[in-house]
N, C-alpha and C. Protein backbone atom coordinates (compact mmCIF):
# COMPACT_ATOMS: atom_id res chain seq x y z
N UNK A 1 -8.04 401.91 188.10
CA UNK A 1 -8.31 401.33 186.79
C UNK A 1 -9.77 401.58 186.42
N UNK A 2 -9.98 401.77 185.16
CA UNK A 2 -11.34 401.95 184.69
C UNK A 2 -11.92 400.60 184.31
N UNK A 3 -13.21 400.60 184.05
CA UNK A 3 -13.86 399.34 183.67
C UNK A 3 -13.31 398.80 182.36
N UNK A 4 -12.93 399.69 181.46
CA UNK A 4 -12.45 399.24 180.15
C UNK A 4 -11.16 398.44 180.26
N UNK A 5 -10.26 398.85 181.12
CA UNK A 5 -9.01 398.09 181.25
C UNK A 5 -9.21 396.81 182.03
N UNK A 6 -10.17 396.76 182.94
CA UNK A 6 -10.43 395.53 183.70
C UNK A 6 -11.06 394.46 182.83
N UNK A 7 -11.87 394.86 181.86
CA UNK A 7 -12.60 393.90 181.04
C UNK A 7 -11.87 393.64 179.73
N UNK A 8 -10.60 393.38 179.83
CA UNK A 8 -9.82 393.06 178.65
C UNK A 8 -10.25 391.68 178.14
N UNK A 9 -10.33 391.52 176.84
CA UNK A 9 -10.81 390.27 176.27
C UNK A 9 -9.93 389.09 176.60
N UNK A 10 -10.54 387.92 176.66
CA UNK A 10 -9.83 386.69 177.00
C UNK A 10 -8.73 386.38 175.98
N UNK A 11 -9.05 386.54 174.69
CA UNK A 11 -8.06 386.25 173.65
C UNK A 11 -6.94 387.29 173.66
N UNK A 12 -7.29 388.51 174.01
CA UNK A 12 -6.28 389.55 174.04
C UNK A 12 -5.30 389.35 175.18
N UNK A 13 -5.74 388.78 176.28
CA UNK A 13 -4.85 388.52 177.42
C UNK A 13 -3.78 387.50 177.05
N UNK A 14 -4.15 386.51 176.28
CA UNK A 14 -3.20 385.47 175.91
C UNK A 14 -2.20 385.92 174.87
N UNK A 15 -2.53 386.95 174.14
CA UNK A 15 -1.64 387.41 173.09
C UNK A 15 -1.54 386.41 171.96
N UNK A 16 -0.48 386.53 171.17
CA UNK A 16 -0.34 385.62 170.03
C UNK A 16 0.02 384.21 170.47
N UNK A 17 0.67 384.07 171.62
CA UNK A 17 1.07 382.75 172.08
C UNK A 17 -0.12 381.92 172.55
N UNK A 18 -1.17 382.56 173.01
CA UNK A 18 -2.35 381.83 173.45
C UNK A 18 -2.98 381.03 172.33
N UNK A 19 -3.09 381.63 171.17
CA UNK A 19 -3.66 380.94 170.02
C UNK A 19 -2.75 379.81 169.54
N UNK A 20 -1.46 380.04 169.57
CA UNK A 20 -0.51 379.02 169.13
C UNK A 20 -0.53 377.82 170.08
N UNK A 21 -0.52 378.09 171.36
CA UNK A 21 -0.55 377.01 172.35
C UNK A 21 -1.88 376.27 172.30
N UNK A 22 -2.97 376.98 172.12
CA UNK A 22 -4.29 376.35 172.03
C UNK A 22 -4.40 375.44 170.82
N UNK A 23 -3.93 375.92 169.68
CA UNK A 23 -3.99 375.10 168.46
C UNK A 23 -3.09 373.87 168.58
N UNK A 24 -1.94 374.04 169.21
CA UNK A 24 -1.04 372.91 169.41
C UNK A 24 -1.67 371.88 170.33
N UNK A 25 -2.31 372.34 171.41
CA UNK A 25 -2.96 371.42 172.34
C UNK A 25 -4.06 370.63 171.64
N UNK A 26 -4.88 371.31 170.86
CA UNK A 26 -5.95 370.63 170.14
C UNK A 26 -5.36 369.62 169.16
N UNK A 27 -4.31 370.01 168.47
CA UNK A 27 -3.69 369.10 167.52
C UNK A 27 -3.12 367.86 168.17
N UNK A 28 -2.43 368.04 169.28
CA UNK A 28 -1.79 366.89 169.94
C UNK A 28 -2.78 365.99 170.66
N UNK A 29 -3.84 366.54 171.20
CA UNK A 29 -4.74 365.76 172.04
C UNK A 29 -6.01 365.29 171.34
N UNK A 30 -6.33 365.85 170.20
CA UNK A 30 -7.56 365.45 169.51
C UNK A 30 -7.26 364.97 168.10
N UNK A 31 -6.63 365.80 167.29
CA UNK A 31 -6.42 365.48 165.88
C UNK A 31 -5.43 364.34 165.69
N UNK A 32 -4.31 364.39 166.37
CA UNK A 32 -3.29 363.35 166.20
C UNK A 32 -3.77 361.96 166.60
N UNK A 33 -4.41 361.78 167.76
CA UNK A 33 -4.90 360.43 168.08
C UNK A 33 -5.95 359.91 167.09
N UNK A 34 -6.83 360.80 166.63
CA UNK A 34 -7.83 360.36 165.66
C UNK A 34 -7.17 359.99 164.33
N UNK A 35 -6.14 360.71 163.95
CA UNK A 35 -5.42 360.38 162.71
C UNK A 35 -4.69 359.04 162.86
N UNK A 36 -4.10 358.81 164.02
CA UNK A 36 -3.39 357.54 164.23
C UNK A 36 -4.34 356.35 164.19
N UNK A 37 -5.56 356.52 164.66
CA UNK A 37 -6.51 355.41 164.67
C UNK A 37 -6.96 355.00 163.26
N UNK A 38 -6.71 355.82 162.28
CA UNK A 38 -7.08 355.48 160.91
C UNK A 38 -6.00 354.66 160.20
N UNK A 39 -4.83 354.54 160.79
CA UNK A 39 -3.73 353.79 160.18
C UNK A 39 -3.92 352.30 160.50
N UNK A 40 -3.96 351.45 159.46
CA UNK A 40 -4.21 350.02 159.69
C UNK A 40 -3.20 349.36 160.63
N UNK A 41 -1.94 349.73 160.57
CA UNK A 41 -0.94 349.12 161.44
C UNK A 41 -1.23 349.45 162.91
N UNK A 42 -1.68 350.64 163.17
CA UNK A 42 -2.02 351.03 164.54
C UNK A 42 -3.25 350.25 165.01
N UNK A 43 -4.22 350.07 164.13
CA UNK A 43 -5.42 349.31 164.48
C UNK A 43 -5.06 347.87 164.83
N UNK A 44 -4.18 347.26 164.04
CA UNK A 44 -3.76 345.89 164.31
C UNK A 44 -3.03 345.79 165.65
N UNK A 45 -2.17 346.76 165.93
CA UNK A 45 -1.44 346.77 167.19
C UNK A 45 -2.41 346.88 168.37
N UNK A 46 -3.39 347.76 168.27
CA UNK A 46 -4.35 347.93 169.36
C UNK A 46 -5.19 346.68 169.57
N UNK A 47 -5.56 346.00 168.49
CA UNK A 47 -6.34 344.77 168.63
C UNK A 47 -5.48 343.67 169.28
N UNK A 48 -4.21 343.58 168.91
CA UNK A 48 -3.33 342.58 169.52
C UNK A 48 -3.10 342.91 170.99
N UNK A 49 -2.97 344.18 171.31
CA UNK A 49 -2.78 344.59 172.70
C UNK A 49 -4.02 344.31 173.52
N UNK A 50 -5.19 344.51 172.95
CA UNK A 50 -6.44 344.28 173.67
C UNK A 50 -6.62 342.80 174.00
N UNK A 51 -6.15 341.92 173.14
CA UNK A 51 -6.27 340.49 173.39
C UNK A 51 -5.37 340.02 174.53
N UNK A 52 -4.29 340.75 174.80
CA UNK A 52 -3.36 340.37 175.86
C UNK A 52 -3.78 340.87 177.23
N UNK A 53 -4.77 341.74 177.30
CA UNK A 53 -5.20 342.26 178.59
C UNK A 53 -5.94 341.20 179.39
N UNK A 54 -5.75 341.17 180.71
CA UNK A 54 -6.39 340.14 181.52
C UNK A 54 -7.87 340.43 181.84
N UNK A 55 -8.41 341.52 181.32
CA UNK A 55 -9.81 341.86 181.59
C UNK A 55 -10.48 342.24 180.27
N UNK A 56 -11.80 342.26 180.29
CA UNK A 56 -12.58 342.53 179.09
C UNK A 56 -12.98 344.00 179.04
N UNK A 57 -12.81 344.61 177.86
CA UNK A 57 -13.26 345.98 177.66
C UNK A 57 -14.50 345.92 176.76
N UNK A 58 -15.65 346.27 177.28
CA UNK A 58 -16.87 346.20 176.47
C UNK A 58 -16.81 347.13 175.26
N UNK A 59 -17.30 346.64 174.14
CA UNK A 59 -17.37 347.46 172.94
C UNK A 59 -16.14 347.39 172.06
N UNK A 60 -15.12 346.65 172.46
CA UNK A 60 -13.92 346.51 171.65
C UNK A 60 -13.82 345.06 171.20
N UNK A 61 -13.61 344.88 169.92
CA UNK A 61 -13.43 343.54 169.41
C UNK A 61 -14.73 342.95 169.02
């Protein structure tokens, strides 16, 4: 093998599925939770859940 074939780009190795899987991962793990936290019903649920915990979480409430 020559150096050119060994140094194939990272994005090129993943092909088209690499970008799709990466975007999906970012969406599910970063964008979706942040979007859910903006919904008032979710905020109320989290505050009610936090009050039922037997320990204190600093910075919440």
